[in-house]
């Protein structure tokens, strides 16, 4: 079975917040770019990276769904449990 994966890069602060469990949602602006990547799509997992090198911190997180916050013009990506981490202390 091929998993449907959403790849996102985060700044360290937000990566740490998700890892600690304090951050349960990830937000993206309602732009054409994010609309094409998110609307009408279903993913199995989100792969978060903090950087672009092979040795950067990385984690797999369960995708729970997406909501639209039209007041703030944001997509709200609901995060599930962390499935795996690499290169993170």
C-alpha atoms as a PDB file:
ATOM      1  CA  UNK A   1       0.000   0.000   0.000  1.00  0.00           C
ATOM      2  CA  UNK A   2       1.360   3.412  -0.947  1.00  0.00           C
ATOM      3  CA  UNK A   3       1.007   5.945   1.817  1.00  0.00           C
ATOM      4  CA  UNK A   4      -0.173   9.417   0.943  1.00  0.00           C
ATOM      5  CA  UNK A   5       2.334  11.752   2.570  1.00  0.00           C
ATOM      6  CA  UNK A   6       2.287  15.505   3.037  1.00  0.00           C
ATOM      7  CA  UNK A   7       5.829  16.906   3.329  1.00  0.00           C
ATOM      8  CA  UNK A   8       6.285  20.069   5.403  1.00  0.00           C
ATOM      9  CA  UNK A   9       9.346  21.942   6.637  1.00  0.00           C
ATOM     10  CA  UNK A  10       9.182  23.744   9.990  1.00  0.00           C
ATOM     11  CA  UNK A  11      11.268  26.144  12.025  1.00  0.00           C
ATOM     12  CA  UNK A  12      12.787  24.536  15.122  1.00  0.00           C
ATOM     13  CA  UNK A  13      10.386  26.208  17.570  1.00  0.00           C
ATOM     14  CA  UNK A  14       7.305  24.736  15.860  1.00  0.00           C
ATOM     15  CA  UNK A  15       8.995  21.357  15.415  1.00  0.00           C
ATOM     16  CA  UNK A  16       9.699  21.290  19.167  1.00  0.00           C
ATOM     17  CA  UNK A  17       6.110  22.299  19.988  1.00  0.00           C
ATOM     18  CA  UNK A  18       4.672  19.430  17.929  1.00  0.00           C
ATOM     19  CA  UNK A  19       7.164  16.971  19.392  1.00  0.00           C
ATOM     20  CA  UNK A  20       6.277  18.008  22.953  1.00  0.00           C
ATOM     21  CA  UNK A  21       2.543  17.571  22.259  1.00  0.00           C
ATOM     22  CA  UNK A  22       1.703  21.217  22.942  1.00  0.00           C
ATOM     23  CA  UNK A  23       0.929  21.940  19.288  1.00  0.00           C
ATOM     24  CA  UNK A  24      -1.948  19.821  17.933  1.00  0.00           C
ATOM     25  CA  UNK A  25      -2.540  21.726  14.675  1.00  0.00           C
ATOM     26  CA  UNK A  26      -0.365  23.081  11.900  1.00  0.00           C
ATOM     27  CA  UNK A  27      -1.490  26.187  10.016  1.00  0.00           C
ATOM     28  CA  UNK A  28      -1.030  27.272   6.421  1.00  0.00           C
ATOM     29  CA  UNK A  29      -2.291  30.420   4.702  1.00  0.00           C
ATOM     30  CA  UNK A  30      -5.258  30.101   2.353  1.00  0.00           C
ATOM     31  CA  UNK A  31      -3.309  30.727  -0.837  1.00  0.00           C
ATOM     32  CA  UNK A  32      -3.616  29.121  -4.258  1.00  0.00           C
ATOM     33  CA  UNK A  33      -0.473  27.106  -3.515  1.00  0.00           C
ATOM     34  CA  UNK A  34      -1.828  25.573  -0.284  1.00  0.00           C
ATOM     35  CA  UNK A  35      -5.335  25.180  -1.703  1.00  0.00           C
ATOM     36  CA  UNK A  36      -3.941  22.934  -4.458  1.00  0.00           C
ATOM     37  CA  UNK A  37      -1.955  20.867  -1.953  1.00  0.00           C
ATOM     38  CA  UNK A  38      -4.649  20.547   0.714  1.00  0.00           C
ATOM     39  CA  UNK A  39      -8.226  20.942  -0.545  1.00  0.00           C
ATOM     40  CA  UNK A  40      -9.902  17.695  -1.505  1.00  0.00           C
ATOM     41  CA  UNK A  41      -6.818  15.703  -0.489  1.00  0.00           C
ATOM     42  CA  UNK A  42      -6.499  12.996   2.111  1.00  0.00           C
ATOM     43  CA  UNK A  43      -3.118  12.051   3.510  1.00  0.00           C
ATOM     44  CA  UNK A  44      -2.066   9.189   5.748  1.00  0.00           C
ATOM     45  CA  UNK A  45       0.891  10.946   7.325  1.00  0.00           C
ATOM     46  CA  UNK A  46       2.739  14.225   7.526  1.00  0.00           C
ATOM     47  CA  UNK A  47       6.534  14.199   7.350  1.00  0.00           C
ATOM     48  CA  UNK A  48       7.926  17.219   9.162  1.00  0.00           C
ATOM     49  CA  UNK A  49      11.531  18.310   8.709  1.00  0.00           C
ATOM     50  CA  UNK A  50      13.543  20.971  10.477  1.00  0.00           C
ATOM     51  CA  UNK A  51      16.019  21.769   7.718  1.00  0.00           C
ATOM     52  CA  UNK A  52      17.030  20.357   4.382  1.00  0.00           C
ATOM     53  CA  UNK A  53      20.054  18.150   5.074  1.00  0.00           C
ATOM     54  CA  UNK A  54      19.873  14.382   5.457  1.00  0.00           C
ATOM     55  CA  UNK A  55      20.838  14.703   9.125  1.00  0.00           C
ATOM     56  CA  UNK A  56      18.173  17.289  10.045  1.00  0.00           C
ATOM     57  CA  UNK A  57      15.499  16.456  12.654  1.00  0.00           C
ATOM     58  CA  UNK A  58      12.567  14.628  11.109  1.00  0.00           C
ATOM     59  CA  UNK A  59       9.275  13.136  12.320  1.00  0.00           C
ATOM     60  CA  UNK A  60       6.297  11.229  10.951  1.00  0.00           C
ATOM     61  CA  UNK A  61       2.913  12.310  12.332  1.00  0.00           C
ATOM     62  CA  UNK A  62      -0.537  10.838  11.765  1.00  0.00           C
ATOM     63  CA  UNK A  63      -2.810  13.018   9.577  1.00  0.00           C
ATOM     64  CA  UNK A  64      -6.231  13.514  11.193  1.00  0.00           C
ATOM     65  CA  UNK A  65      -7.769  15.918   8.689  1.00  0.00           C
ATOM     66  CA  UNK A  66      -8.063  19.516   7.657  1.00  0.00           C
ATOM     67  CA  UNK A  67     -10.371  22.385   8.513  1.00  0.00           C
ATOM     68  CA  UNK A  68     -10.709  25.886   7.126  1.00  0.00           C
ATOM     69  CA  UNK A  69     -10.519  28.913   9.405  1.00  0.00           C
ATOM     70  CA  UNK A  70     -12.039  31.521   7.098  1.00  0.00           C
ATOM     71  CA  UNK A  71     -11.927  34.241   9.748  1.00  0.00           C
ATOM     72  CA  UNK A  72      -8.119  34.101   9.876  1.00  0.00           C
ATOM     73  CA  UNK A  73      -7.744  32.805   6.296  1.00  0.00           C
ATOM     74  CA  UNK A  74      -5.848  29.702   7.381  1.00  0.00           C
ATOM     75  CA  UNK A  75      -5.999  25.980   6.732  1.00  0.00           C
ATOM     76  CA  UNK A  76      -5.856  24.014   9.981  1.00  0.00           C
ATOM     77  CA  UNK A  77      -4.118  20.644   9.624  1.00  0.00           C
ATOM     78  CA  UNK A  78      -5.071  18.386  12.521  1.00  0.00           C
ATOM     79  CA  UNK A  79      -2.182  16.334  13.870  1.00  0.00           C
ATOM     80  CA  UNK A  80      -2.374  12.880  15.388  1.00  0.00           C
ATOM     81  CA  UNK A  81       0.250  10.947  17.284  1.00  0.00           C
ATOM     82  CA  UNK A  82       3.920  10.985  16.419  1.00  0.00           C
ATOM     83  CA  UNK A  83       4.745   7.749  14.631  1.00  0.00           C
ATOM     84  CA  UNK A  84       8.530   8.075  14.340  1.00  0.00           C
ATOM     85  CA  UNK A  85      11.369  10.560  14.862  1.00  0.00           C
ATOM     86  CA  UNK A  86      14.940  10.697  13.560  1.00  0.00           C
ATOM     87  CA  UNK A  87      17.941  12.902  14.354  1.00  0.00           C
ATOM     88  CA  UNK A  88      16.111  14.588  17.224  1.00  0.00           C
ATOM     89  CA  UNK A  89      17.468  14.804  20.760  1.00  0.00           C
END
